[in-house]
Amino acid sequence: MGFFSKLFGGKSKGANSEVEALIQKTLEGIIEKAQFDLTFELRTEKEEDGGSTLAVEFNGADEEILKDKKGQMLDAFQLFLKRVVQHNFPEDKTNITVDCGGYRDESANALIERAENLKAICIEQGKSVYYRALPPKDRKVVHQYLAKDPRVKSRSLGDGLYKKIKIYPAKGQSQGSADDSAVVQD
């Protein structure tokens, strides 16, 4: 980025390309040092709120390493890259997502499928049901999906990082007896 673009406002486009260059250099270094058989593609997507998301998509023979243990390595890459960008560009608000072979979509679809089954039980029986303890990113997917249906409500229960999700009928939606609706009340 040149001196005049900094001086006359070309910063946002230049900052994005600087962030991309930093991420590219960081990923190349990690892949080389770890001797991963991976390549990656960087893609910038503009969001409605004016921000942007930088998507990293991995490909290669070592994809399974990244997907193993519920995608913890993908999460680690994502967090590390966010911290690298925050350290080098404290004012930058670029969101970073890391994926490999559509793993994130598959994972979200599995969560939504289970939430749909529990929602059906909740509506049919008019009682609260519980989703197993999940980490925050997975709970967010479930809560956002359930929020689209006015017949049910959801909330997280528990302490710590992993919390259960309580799915219960919205007021006036209970099909059961008075005893059932007492269970639903918060």
Protein backbone atom coordinates (compact mmCIF):
# COMPACT_ATOMS: atom_id res chain seq x y z
CA MET A 1 0.00 0.00 0.00
CA GLY A 2 1.44 3.33 -1.05
CA PHE A 3 1.89 6.54 0.87
CA PHE A 4 -0.83 8.44 -1.03
CA SER A 5 -3.47 5.75 -0.50
CA LYS A 6 -2.82 5.96 3.25
CA LEU A 7 -2.98 9.74 3.12
CA PHE A 8 -6.08 10.06 0.92
CA GLY A 9 -8.29 7.26 2.20
CA GLY A 10 -7.43 4.18 0.20
CA LYS A 11 -6.87 2.48 3.55
CA SER A 12 -9.88 0.13 3.68
CA LYS A 13 -9.05 -1.64 0.43
CA GLY A 14 -5.35 -1.63 1.19
CA ALA A 15 -5.92 -2.86 4.76
CA ASN A 16 -7.91 -5.79 3.44
CA SER A 17 -5.16 -6.75 1.01
CA GLU A 18 -2.61 -6.37 3.83
CA VAL A 19 -4.70 -8.67 6.02
CA GLU A 20 -4.94 -11.19 3.17
CA ALA A 21 -1.17 -11.03 2.63
CA LEU A 22 -0.54 -11.55 6.35
CA ILE A 23 -2.89 -14.54 6.48
CA GLN A 24 -1.37 -16.04 3.34
CA LYS A 25 2.16 -15.68 4.72
CA THR A 26 1.11 -17.10 8.11
CA LEU A 27 -0.64 -20.11 6.60
CA GLU A 28 2.23 -20.85 4.22
CA GLY A 29 4.60 -20.82 7.20
CA ILE A 30 2.42 -23.15 9.30
CA ILE A 31 1.89 -25.60 6.44
CA GLU A 32 5.62 -25.66 5.68
CA LYS A 33 6.72 -26.09 9.31
CA ALA A 34 4.09 -28.75 10.09
CA GLN A 35 4.80 -30.46 6.75
CA PHE A 36 1.08 -30.66 5.96
CA ASP A 37 0.09 -31.82 2.49
CA LEU A 38 -2.43 -28.97 2.13
CA THR A 39 -3.19 -26.06 -0.13
CA PHE A 40 -5.58 -23.23 0.64
CA GLU A 41 -7.68 -20.65 -1.10
CA LEU A 42 -8.50 -17.20 0.32
CA ARG A 43 -11.80 -15.56 -0.55
CA THR A 44 -13.10 -12.18 0.66
CA GLU A 45 -16.86 -11.80 1.00
CA LYS A 46 -18.54 -8.46 1.67
CA GLU A 47 -21.33 -8.47 4.28
CA GLU A 48 -24.49 -6.36 4.43
CA ASP A 49 -23.28 -4.43 7.49
CA GLY A 50 -20.26 -3.13 5.56
CA GLY A 51 -17.78 -5.55 7.11
CA SER A 52 -16.08 -8.38 5.34
CA THR A 53 -15.33 -12.04 5.92
CA LEU A 54 -12.11 -13.65 4.81
CA ALA A 55 -12.78 -17.32 4.10
CA VAL A 56 -9.94 -19.84 4.12
CA GLU A 57 -10.69 -23.14 2.36
CA PHE A 58 -8.17 -25.97 2.80
CA ASN A 59 -7.68 -28.82 0.30
CA GLY A 60 -5.23 -31.70 0.13
CA ALA A 61 -4.25 -35.11 1.40
CA ASP A 62 -4.18 -34.02 5.07
CA GLU A 63 -7.79 -32.76 5.14
CA GLU A 64 -8.81 -35.48 7.60
CA ILE A 65 -6.34 -34.15 10.18
CA LEU A 66 -8.18 -30.81 10.13
CA LYS A 67 -11.63 -32.43 10.38
CA ASP A 68 -10.70 -34.93 13.09
CA LYS A 69 -12.02 -34.54 16.66
CA LYS A 70 -15.06 -32.49 15.61
CA GLY A 71 -13.02 -29.96 13.66
CA GLN A 72 -10.86 -28.80 16.55
CA MET A 73 -7.91 -28.17 14.24
CA LEU A 74 -10.09 -25.98 12.00
CA ASP A 75 -11.20 -24.06 15.10
CA ALA A 76 -7.57 -23.71 16.20
CA PHE A 77 -6.51 -22.35 12.80
CA GLN A 78 -9.45 -19.92 12.82
CA LEU A 79 -8.69 -18.63 16.32
CA PHE A 80 -4.97 -18.35 15.64
CA LEU A 81 -5.51 -16.39 12.42
CA LYS A 82 -7.95 -14.03 14.18
CA ARG A 83 -5.36 -13.36 16.88
CA VAL A 84 -2.59 -12.77 14.33
CA VAL A 85 -4.79 -10.22 12.53
CA GLN A 86 -5.85 -8.54 15.81
CA HIS A 87 -2.22 -8.26 16.88
CA ASN A 88 -1.03 -6.75 13.60
CA PHE A 89 -4.15 -4.71 12.70
CA PRO A 90 -5.96 -3.81 15.97
CA GLU A 91 -8.51 -1.60 14.16
CA ASP A 92 -9.42 -4.18 11.50
CA LYS A 93 -12.84 -5.84 11.89
CA THR A 94 -12.44 -8.57 9.26
CA ASN A 95 -14.11 -11.81 10.28
CA ILE A 96 -12.16 -14.99 9.46
CA THR A 97 -13.65 -18.40 8.76
CA VAL A 98 -11.66 -21.57 8.14
CA ASP A 99 -13.20 -24.62 6.46
CA CYS A 100 -12.11 -27.80 4.77
CA GLY A 101 -14.16 -29.78 2.27
CA GLY A 102 -17.48 -28.33 3.42
CA TYR A 103 -17.01 -29.60 7.00
CA ARG A 104 -18.65 -26.57 8.62
CA ASP A 105 -21.84 -26.92 6.53
CA GLU A 106 -22.03 -30.66 7.21
CA SER A 107 -21.62 -30.07 10.94
CA ALA A 108 -24.26 -27.31 11.01
CA ASN A 109 -26.70 -29.46 9.03
CA ALA A 110 -26.28 -32.34 11.50
CA LEU A 111 -26.98 -29.97 14.42
CA ILE A 112 -30.05 -28.57 12.66
CA GLU A 113 -31.36 -32.05 11.85
CA ARG A 114 -31.16 -33.06 15.52
CA ALA A 115 -32.74 -29.75 16.59
CA GLU A 116 -35.59 -30.35 14.12
CA ASN A 117 -36.26 -33.79 15.65
CA LEU A 118 -36.28 -32.38 19.19
CA LYS A 119 -38.48 -29.47 18.11
CA ALA A 120 -41.03 -31.92 16.66
CA ILE A 121 -41.10 -33.86 19.94
CA CYS A 122 -41.50 -30.63 21.91
CA ILE A 123 -44.41 -29.44 19.75
CA GLU A 124 -46.09 -32.84 19.61
CA GLN A 125 -45.91 -33.50 23.36
CA GLY A 126 -46.10 -29.89 24.54
CA LYS A 127 -43.17 -30.50 26.88
CA SER A 128 -39.62 -29.28 27.27
CA VAL A 129 -36.86 -31.33 25.66
CA TYR A 130 -33.12 -30.97 26.06
CA TYR A 131 -30.29 -30.95 23.54
CA ARG A 132 -26.99 -32.40 24.76
CA ALA A 133 -24.26 -30.06 26.03
CA LEU A 134 -22.69 -28.11 23.18
CA PRO A 135 -19.90 -25.54 22.77
CA PRO A 136 -20.91 -21.92 22.06
CA LYS A 137 -20.48 -22.03 18.26
CA ASP A 138 -22.76 -25.07 17.99
CA ARG A 139 -25.35 -23.63 20.41
CA LYS A 140 -25.49 -20.51 18.28
CA VAL A 141 -26.40 -22.59 15.19
CA VAL A 142 -29.17 -24.40 17.11
CA HIS A 143 -30.59 -21.24 18.73
CA GLN A 144 -30.65 -19.36 15.41
CA TYR A 145 -32.43 -22.26 13.71
CA LEU A 146 -35.03 -22.62 16.48
CA ALA A 147 -35.64 -18.85 16.61
CA LYS A 148 -37.20 -19.08 13.12
CA ASP A 149 -40.14 -21.12 14.48
CA PRO A 150 -42.54 -19.09 16.69
CA ARG A 151 -43.99 -22.30 18.19
CA VAL A 152 -40.86 -22.97 20.27
CA LYS A 153 -38.29 -21.12 22.32
CA SER A 154 -34.82 -22.16 23.41
CA ARG A 155 -32.28 -21.20 26.02
CA SER A 156 -28.92 -22.44 27.24
CA LEU A 157 -28.68 -24.10 30.64
CA GLY A 158 -25.63 -24.85 32.74
CA ASP A 159 -22.28 -23.45 33.72
CA GLY A 160 -19.00 -23.54 31.88
CA LEU A 161 -18.21 -23.68 28.19
CA TYR A 162 -20.48 -26.59 27.29
CA LYS A 163 -24.17 -26.02 28.04
CA LYS A 164 -27.39 -27.90 27.35
CA ILE A 165 -30.15 -26.32 25.31
CA LYS A 166 -33.70 -26.38 26.64
CA ILE A 167 -36.29 -26.38 23.86
CA TYR A 168 -39.79 -25.59 25.08
CA PRO A 169 -43.17 -24.59 23.63
CA ALA A 170 -43.79 -20.86 23.30
CA LYS A 171 -46.59 -19.50 25.49
CA GLY A 172 -49.99 -20.51 24.14
CA GLN A 173 -48.42 -23.34 22.09
CA SER A 174 -48.59 -26.11 24.72
CA GLN A 175 -50.78 -29.06 23.68
CA GLY A 176 -50.52 -30.84 27.03
CA SER A 177 -52.26 -30.62 30.39
CA ALA A 178 -51.81 -27.99 33.08
CA ASP A 179 -49.03 -30.08 34.64
CA ASP A 180 -47.10 -30.04 31.35
CA SER A 181 -47.27 -26.27 31.02
CA ALA A 182 -45.93 -25.89 34.57
CA VAL A 183 -42.78 -27.71 33.48
CA VAL A 184 -42.36 -25.31 30.57
CA GLN A 185 -42.51 -22.12 32.68
CA ASP A 186 -39.18 -20.46 33.45
